[in-house]
Amino acid sequence: MPDAPEELFRERFSKPIVAAVQGPALAEGVALIACADIVVAAQGVSFALTEIREGRAPIGMAAIEQAIGRRRARELALTGRVFTAPEALQYGLIHHLAPAFEFDERADAIASQLASSSPDAVRRILSA
């Protein structure tokens, strides 16, 4: 396991990470989402890089930049503005947007599909 919080965002894992986001994702929560392989979010969820409001830079900025692009990541980090789940989908931060009544089923279906995939193929994809 990583020694410092920043190292978590550079860590490579041997199994795919599925993030299921049901509530607001702020600060390092956005960075954790950016590190996930597949992200499902419920409609109505909001996101924000709020560190600037506390006088600090986001931890995990490299992961966020990789997920949504450098210019977009910088704009969000510099402004600390709240953005919606549809915007997060458009930016590439999340992959699937589900209504609340379908959220659990959608996340479970993705996890089940990954669990039934070839472990060797999954490892090769993750290490590529």
C-alpha atoms as a PDB file:
ATOM      1  CA  MET A   1       0.000   0.000   0.000  1.00  0.00           C
ATOM      2  CA  PRO A   2       1.251   3.536  -0.713  1.00  0.00           C
ATOM      3  CA  ASP A   3       3.085   5.509   2.005  1.00  0.00           C
ATOM      4  CA  ALA A   4       1.635   8.955   1.229  1.00  0.00           C
ATOM      5  CA  PRO A   5      -1.811  10.013  -0.039  1.00  0.00           C
ATOM      6  CA  GLU A   6      -0.272  11.305  -3.285  1.00  0.00           C
ATOM      7  CA  GLU A   7       1.142   7.855  -4.025  1.00  0.00           C
ATOM      8  CA  LEU A   8      -2.323   6.285  -3.968  1.00  0.00           C
ATOM      9  CA  PHE A   9      -3.187   8.198  -7.112  1.00  0.00           C
ATOM     10  CA  ARG A  10      -0.163   6.741  -8.936  1.00  0.00           C
ATOM     11  CA  GLU A  11      -0.715   3.187  -7.709  1.00  0.00           C
ATOM     12  CA  ARG A  12      -1.499   0.445 -10.235  1.00  0.00           C
ATOM     13  CA  PHE A  13      -3.821  -2.314  -9.126  1.00  0.00           C
ATOM     14  CA  SER A  14      -4.067  -5.848 -10.503  1.00  0.00           C
ATOM     15  CA  LYS A  15      -7.869  -5.842 -10.438  1.00  0.00           C
ATOM     16  CA  PRO A  16     -10.213  -3.313 -12.038  1.00  0.00           C
ATOM     17  CA  ILE A  17     -11.643  -0.627  -9.787  1.00  0.00           C
ATOM     18  CA  VAL A  18     -15.337   0.199 -10.212  1.00  0.00           C
ATOM     19  CA  ALA A  19     -16.469   3.395  -8.488  1.00  0.00           C
ATOM     20  CA  ALA A  20     -20.159   3.817  -7.692  1.00  0.00           C
ATOM     21  CA  VAL A  21     -20.880   7.465  -6.842  1.00  0.00           C
ATOM     22  CA  GLN A  22     -24.161   8.212  -5.070  1.00  0.00           C
ATOM     23  CA  GLY A  23     -23.391  11.460  -3.240  1.00  0.00           C
ATOM     24  CA  PRO A  24     -21.326  14.609  -3.702  1.00  0.00           C
ATOM     25  CA  ALA A  25     -17.709  13.989  -4.708  1.00  0.00           C
ATOM     26  CA  LEU A  26     -15.412  16.724  -3.464  1.00  0.00           C
ATOM     27  CA  ALA A  27     -11.659  17.337  -3.393  1.00  0.00           C
ATOM     28  CA  GLU A  28      -9.737  14.058  -3.162  1.00  0.00           C
ATOM     29  CA  GLY A  29     -12.976  12.195  -3.847  1.00  0.00           C
ATOM     30  CA  VAL A  30     -12.765  13.458  -7.421  1.00  0.00           C
ATOM     31  CA  ALA A  31      -9.183  12.194  -7.648  1.00  0.00           C
ATOM     32  CA  LEU A  32     -10.230   8.752  -6.402  1.00  0.00           C
ATOM     33  CA  ILE A  33     -12.947   8.658  -9.062  1.00  0.00           C
ATOM     34  CA  ALA A  34     -10.402   9.697 -11.699  1.00  0.00           C
ATOM     35  CA  CYS A  35      -8.269   6.687 -10.726  1.00  0.00           C
ATOM     36  CA  ALA A  36     -11.102   4.184 -11.117  1.00  0.00           C
ATOM     37  CA  ASP A  37     -11.289   2.062 -14.247  1.00  0.00           C
ATOM     38  CA  ILE A  38     -15.077   2.347 -14.579  1.00  0.00           C
ATOM     39  CA  VAL A  39     -17.300   4.915 -12.869  1.00  0.00           C
ATOM     40  CA  VAL A  40     -21.072   4.795 -12.429  1.00  0.00           C
ATOM     41  CA  ALA A  41     -22.764   7.870 -10.970  1.00  0.00           C
ATOM     42  CA  ALA A  42     -26.323   8.497  -9.902  1.00  0.00           C
ATOM     43  CA  GLN A  43     -28.191  11.361 -11.495  1.00  0.00           C
ATOM     44  CA  GLY A  44     -28.103  14.435  -9.311  1.00  0.00           C
ATOM     45  CA  VAL A  45     -24.588  13.854  -7.996  1.00  0.00           C
ATOM     46  CA  SER A  46     -22.287  16.875  -7.989  1.00  0.00           C
ATOM     47  CA  PHE A  47     -18.513  17.168  -8.150  1.00  0.00           C
ATOM     48  CA  ALA A  48     -15.979  19.876  -7.231  1.00  0.00           C
ATOM     49  CA  LEU A  49     -12.272  20.355  -6.716  1.00  0.00           C
ATOM     50  CA  THR A  50     -12.662  22.472  -3.594  1.00  0.00           C
ATOM     51  CA  GLU A  51      -9.043  22.545  -2.416  1.00  0.00           C
ATOM     52  CA  ILE A  52      -8.486  26.066  -3.782  1.00  0.00           C
ATOM     53  CA  ARG A  53     -11.038  27.312  -1.250  1.00  0.00           C
ATOM     54  CA  GLU A  54      -8.743  25.993   1.490  1.00  0.00           C
ATOM     55  CA  GLY A  55      -5.609  27.484  -0.046  1.00  0.00           C
ATOM     56  CA  ARG A  56      -4.149  24.243  -1.324  1.00  0.00           C
ATOM     57  CA  ALA A  57      -3.695  22.397  -4.588  1.00  0.00           C
ATOM     58  CA  PRO A  58      -5.552  19.142  -5.289  1.00  0.00           C
ATOM     59  CA  ILE A  59      -3.835  15.890  -4.418  1.00  0.00           C
ATOM     60  CA  GLY A  60      -4.071  13.551  -7.370  1.00  0.00           C
ATOM     61  CA  MET A  61      -4.076  16.297  -9.993  1.00  0.00           C
ATOM     62  CA  ALA A  62      -2.160  14.085 -12.447  1.00  0.00           C
ATOM     63  CA  ALA A  63      -4.904  11.445 -12.293  1.00  0.00           C
ATOM     64  CA  ILE A  64      -7.592  14.078 -12.788  1.00  0.00           C
ATOM     65  CA  GLU A  65      -5.713  15.552 -15.752  1.00  0.00           C
ATOM     66  CA  GLN A  66      -5.351  12.104 -17.288  1.00  0.00           C
ATOM     67  CA  ALA A  67      -9.072  11.445 -16.902  1.00  0.00           C
ATOM     68  CA  ILE A  68     -10.491  14.755 -18.145  1.00  0.00           C
ATOM     69  CA  GLY A  69      -7.646  16.633 -19.805  1.00  0.00           C
ATOM     70  CA  ARG A  70      -5.168  19.162 -18.520  1.00  0.00           C
ATOM     71  CA  ARG A  71      -7.028  22.358 -19.412  1.00  0.00           C
ATOM     72  CA  ARG A  72     -10.364  21.205 -17.981  1.00  0.00           C
ATOM     73  CA  ALA A  73      -8.700  19.914 -14.804  1.00  0.00           C
ATOM     74  CA  ARG A  74      -6.903  23.208 -14.289  1.00  0.00           C
ATOM     75  CA  GLU A  75     -10.073  25.221 -14.856  1.00  0.00           C
ATOM     76  CA  LEU A  76     -11.952  23.167 -12.275  1.00  0.00           C
ATOM     77  CA  ALA A  77      -9.064  23.253  -9.780  1.00  0.00           C
ATOM     78  CA  LEU A  78      -8.520  26.994 -10.139  1.00  0.00           C
ATOM     79  CA  THR A  79     -12.189  27.917  -9.818  1.00  0.00           C
ATOM     80  CA  GLY A  80     -13.403  25.263  -7.389  1.00  0.00           C
ATOM     81  CA  ARG A  81     -16.746  25.388  -9.186  1.00  0.00           C
ATOM     82  CA  VAL A  82     -19.323  22.668  -8.702  1.00  0.00           C
ATOM     83  CA  PHE A  83     -20.119  20.612 -11.784  1.00  0.00           C
ATOM     84  CA  THR A  84     -22.966  18.206 -12.437  1.00  0.00           C
ATOM     85  CA  ALA A  85     -23.044  14.509 -13.252  1.00  0.00           C
ATOM     86  CA  PRO A  86     -23.951  15.189 -16.913  1.00  0.00           C
ATOM     87  CA  GLU A  87     -20.921  17.499 -17.126  1.00  0.00           C
ATOM     88  CA  ALA A  88     -18.742  14.818 -15.508  1.00  0.00           C
ATOM     89  CA  LEU A  89     -19.988  12.366 -18.148  1.00  0.00           C
ATOM     90  CA  GLN A  90     -19.203  14.854 -20.914  1.00  0.00           C
ATOM     91  CA  TYR A  91     -15.704  15.491 -19.481  1.00  0.00           C
ATOM     92  CA  GLY A  92     -14.968  11.745 -19.261  1.00  0.00           C
ATOM     93  CA  LEU A  93     -14.722  11.631 -15.459  1.00  0.00           C
ATOM     94  CA  ILE A  94     -17.596   9.158 -15.257  1.00  0.00           C
ATOM     95  CA  HIS A  95     -18.622   6.484 -17.749  1.00  0.00           C
ATOM     96  CA  HIS A  96     -22.229   5.727 -16.849  1.00  0.00           C
ATOM     97  CA  LEU A  97     -24.997   7.938 -15.492  1.00  0.00           C
ATOM     98  CA  ALA A  98     -27.961   6.135 -13.966  1.00  0.00           C
ATOM     99  CA  PRO A  99     -31.234   7.245 -12.419  1.00  0.00           C
ATOM    100  CA  ALA A 100     -31.460   6.489  -8.697  1.00  0.00           C
ATOM    101  CA  PHE A 101     -33.849   3.576  -9.213  1.00  0.00           C
ATOM    102  CA  GLU A 102     -31.365   1.851 -11.600  1.00  0.00           C
ATOM    103  CA  PHE A 103     -28.120   2.850  -9.917  1.00  0.00           C
ATOM    104  CA  ASP A 104     -27.454  -0.291  -7.846  1.00  0.00           C
ATOM    105  CA  GLU A 105     -28.432  -2.606 -10.695  1.00  0.00           C
ATOM    106  CA  ARG A 106     -26.163  -0.786 -13.167  1.00  0.00           C
ATOM    107  CA  ALA A 107     -23.144  -0.874 -10.826  1.00  0.00           C
ATOM    108  CA  ASP A 108     -23.773  -4.545  -9.953  1.00  0.00           C
ATOM    109  CA  ALA A 109     -24.088  -5.483 -13.639  1.00  0.00           C
ATOM    110  CA  ILE A 110     -20.740  -3.904 -14.456  1.00  0.00           C
ATOM    111  CA  ALA A 111     -19.025  -5.577 -11.497  1.00  0.00           C
ATOM    112  CA  SER A 112     -20.567  -8.948 -12.448  1.00  0.00           C
ATOM    113  CA  GLN A 113     -19.424  -8.580 -16.037  1.00  0.00           C
ATOM    114  CA  LEU A 114     -15.873  -7.852 -14.880  1.00  0.00           C
ATOM    115  CA  ALA A 115     -15.954 -10.773 -12.431  1.00  0.00           C
ATOM    116  CA  SER A 116     -16.872 -13.149 -15.247  1.00  0.00           C
ATOM    117  CA  SER A 117     -14.115 -11.864 -17.548  1.00  0.00           C
ATOM    118  CA  SER A 118     -10.871 -13.722 -18.086  1.00  0.00           C
ATOM    119  CA  PRO A 119      -8.525 -12.794 -15.213  1.00  0.00           C
ATOM    120  CA  ASP A 120      -5.541 -13.045 -17.563  1.00  0.00           C
ATOM    121  CA  ALA A 121      -7.122 -10.704 -20.109  1.00  0.00           C
ATOM    122  CA  VAL A 122      -8.074  -8.241 -17.373  1.00  0.00           C
ATOM    123  CA  ARG A 123      -4.498  -8.240 -16.018  1.00  0.00           C
ATOM    124  CA  ARG A 124      -3.086  -7.624 -19.495  1.00  0.00           C
ATOM    125  CA  ILE A 125      -5.493  -4.739 -20.105  1.00  0.00           C
ATOM    126  CA  LEU A 126      -4.676  -3.136 -16.757  1.00  0.00           C
ATOM    127  CA  SER A 127      -0.926  -3.462 -17.249  1.00  0.00           C
ATOM    128  CA  ALA A 128      -0.960  -2.094 -20.819  1.00  0.00           C
END
